[in-house]
Protein backbone atom coordinates (compact mmCIF):
# COMPACT_ATOMS: atom_id res chain seq x y z
CA TYR A 1 -0.02 0.19 0.14
CA ILE A 2 2.68 2.34 0.94
CA THR A 3 4.48 2.08 -2.60
CA ARG A 4 1.71 2.74 -3.85
CA ALA A 5 0.60 5.78 -2.24
CA ILE A 6 3.96 7.25 -3.03
CA GLU A 7 3.68 6.40 -6.64
CA ARG A 8 0.19 7.98 -6.90
CA ALA A 9 0.82 10.85 -4.81
CA ALA A 10 3.80 11.56 -7.27
CA GLY A 11 1.70 11.00 -10.35
CA ARG A 12 -0.57 13.39 -8.89
CA MET A 13 2.22 16.05 -8.30
CA ASN A 14 3.86 15.62 -11.21
CA ALA A 15 0.67 16.04 -13.30
CA TYR A 16 0.86 19.80 -12.20
CA LEU A 17 4.90 20.30 -12.10
CA ASP A 18 5.15 19.34 -15.69
CA GLN A 19 3.31 21.98 -17.09
CA ARG A 20 6.07 24.41 -16.16
CA TYR A 21 9.14 22.16 -15.40
CA GLN A 22 11.35 19.44 -16.84
CA LEU A 23 10.41 16.81 -14.33
CA ALA A 24 14.06 15.59 -14.20
CA GLU A 25 15.13 18.52 -13.33
CA LEU A 26 13.21 18.59 -10.05
CA ALA A 27 14.41 15.04 -8.90
CA GLY A 28 16.66 15.98 -6.52
CA SER A 29 14.23 19.01 -5.25
CA ASN A 30 13.60 18.42 -1.10
CA TRP A 31 10.64 20.33 -1.61
CA CYS A 32 8.83 17.99 -3.87
CA ARG A 33 10.13 14.97 -2.30
CA ASP A 34 8.47 16.08 1.07
CA THR A 35 5.35 17.06 -1.01
CA ASN A 36 5.22 13.63 -2.39
CA ALA A 37 5.57 12.04 1.00
CA ALA A 38 2.89 14.34 2.33
CA ILE A 39 0.51 13.69 -0.45
CA ALA A 40 0.93 9.67 -0.11
CA ALA A 41 0.41 10.09 3.82
CA TYR A 42 -2.73 11.76 2.96
CA LEU A 43 -3.85 9.10 0.50
CA LEU A 44 -3.05 6.45 2.62
CA SER A 45 -5.14 7.92 5.55
CA ILE A 46 -8.01 8.03 3.64
CA ARG A 47 -7.61 4.55 1.60
CA ARG A 48 -10.46 2.94 3.50
CA GLY A 49 -13.06 5.29 3.11
CA ALA A 50 -12.58 7.43 6.05
CA ALA A 51 -11.62 11.03 6.28
CA ALA A 52 -8.51 12.19 6.96
CA PRO A 53 -6.92 13.69 10.18
CA THR A 54 -7.37 17.53 10.34
CA PRO A 55 -3.41 17.99 10.11
CA LEU A 56 -3.13 15.67 7.04
CA GLN A 57 -6.19 17.16 5.78
CA LEU A 58 -5.00 20.77 6.05
CA GLU A 59 -1.57 20.10 4.66
CA PHE A 60 -2.87 18.33 1.89
CA ASP A 61 -5.32 21.20 0.93
CA ALA A 62 -2.69 23.64 1.08
CA LEU A 63 -0.04 21.35 -1.12
CA MET A 64 -2.48 21.10 -3.65
CA GLY A 65 -3.16 24.85 -3.60
CA GLU A 66 0.40 25.45 -4.02
CA LEU A 67 0.81 23.06 -6.81
CA TYR A 68 -2.21 24.77 -8.44
CA ASP A 69 -0.40 27.80 -8.24
CA ILE A 70 3.09 26.62 -9.52
CA SER A 71 1.22 25.07 -12.39
CA ARG A 72 -0.45 28.61 -13.16
CA GLY A 73 2.78 30.20 -12.77
CA ARG A 74 1.68 31.99 -9.88
CA LEU A 75 4.34 30.45 -7.92
CA ASN A 76 7.66 28.50 -8.37
CA VAL A 77 8.99 25.43 -7.10
CA PRO A 78 10.96 26.26 -3.70
CA GLU A 79 14.84 26.05 -3.78
C-alpha cells in the first residue's frame, strides 16, 4: 500500500509540475520529496474511506493549492 500511495502521490504532483518544469530537473528537490511524502500520507489515511486526520487534510489542501499555483505560474517550486 505504501509504495502504491507514493506512486499515486508522485503522479498527482507531477501532473501539476510538468506543465512548467522538466521533471528530471526536480529529481533532487527536497520540496518535491516532502510534498510527495505528505500527499502519500494523506492518500494512505483515506484509503479505507475514512476522513483524513485534520492536520493531514490541512497540509494536503495547502499543498494542492501550491501545486495549482505553480502550474499556473503564480508560484515557483521552492529551492
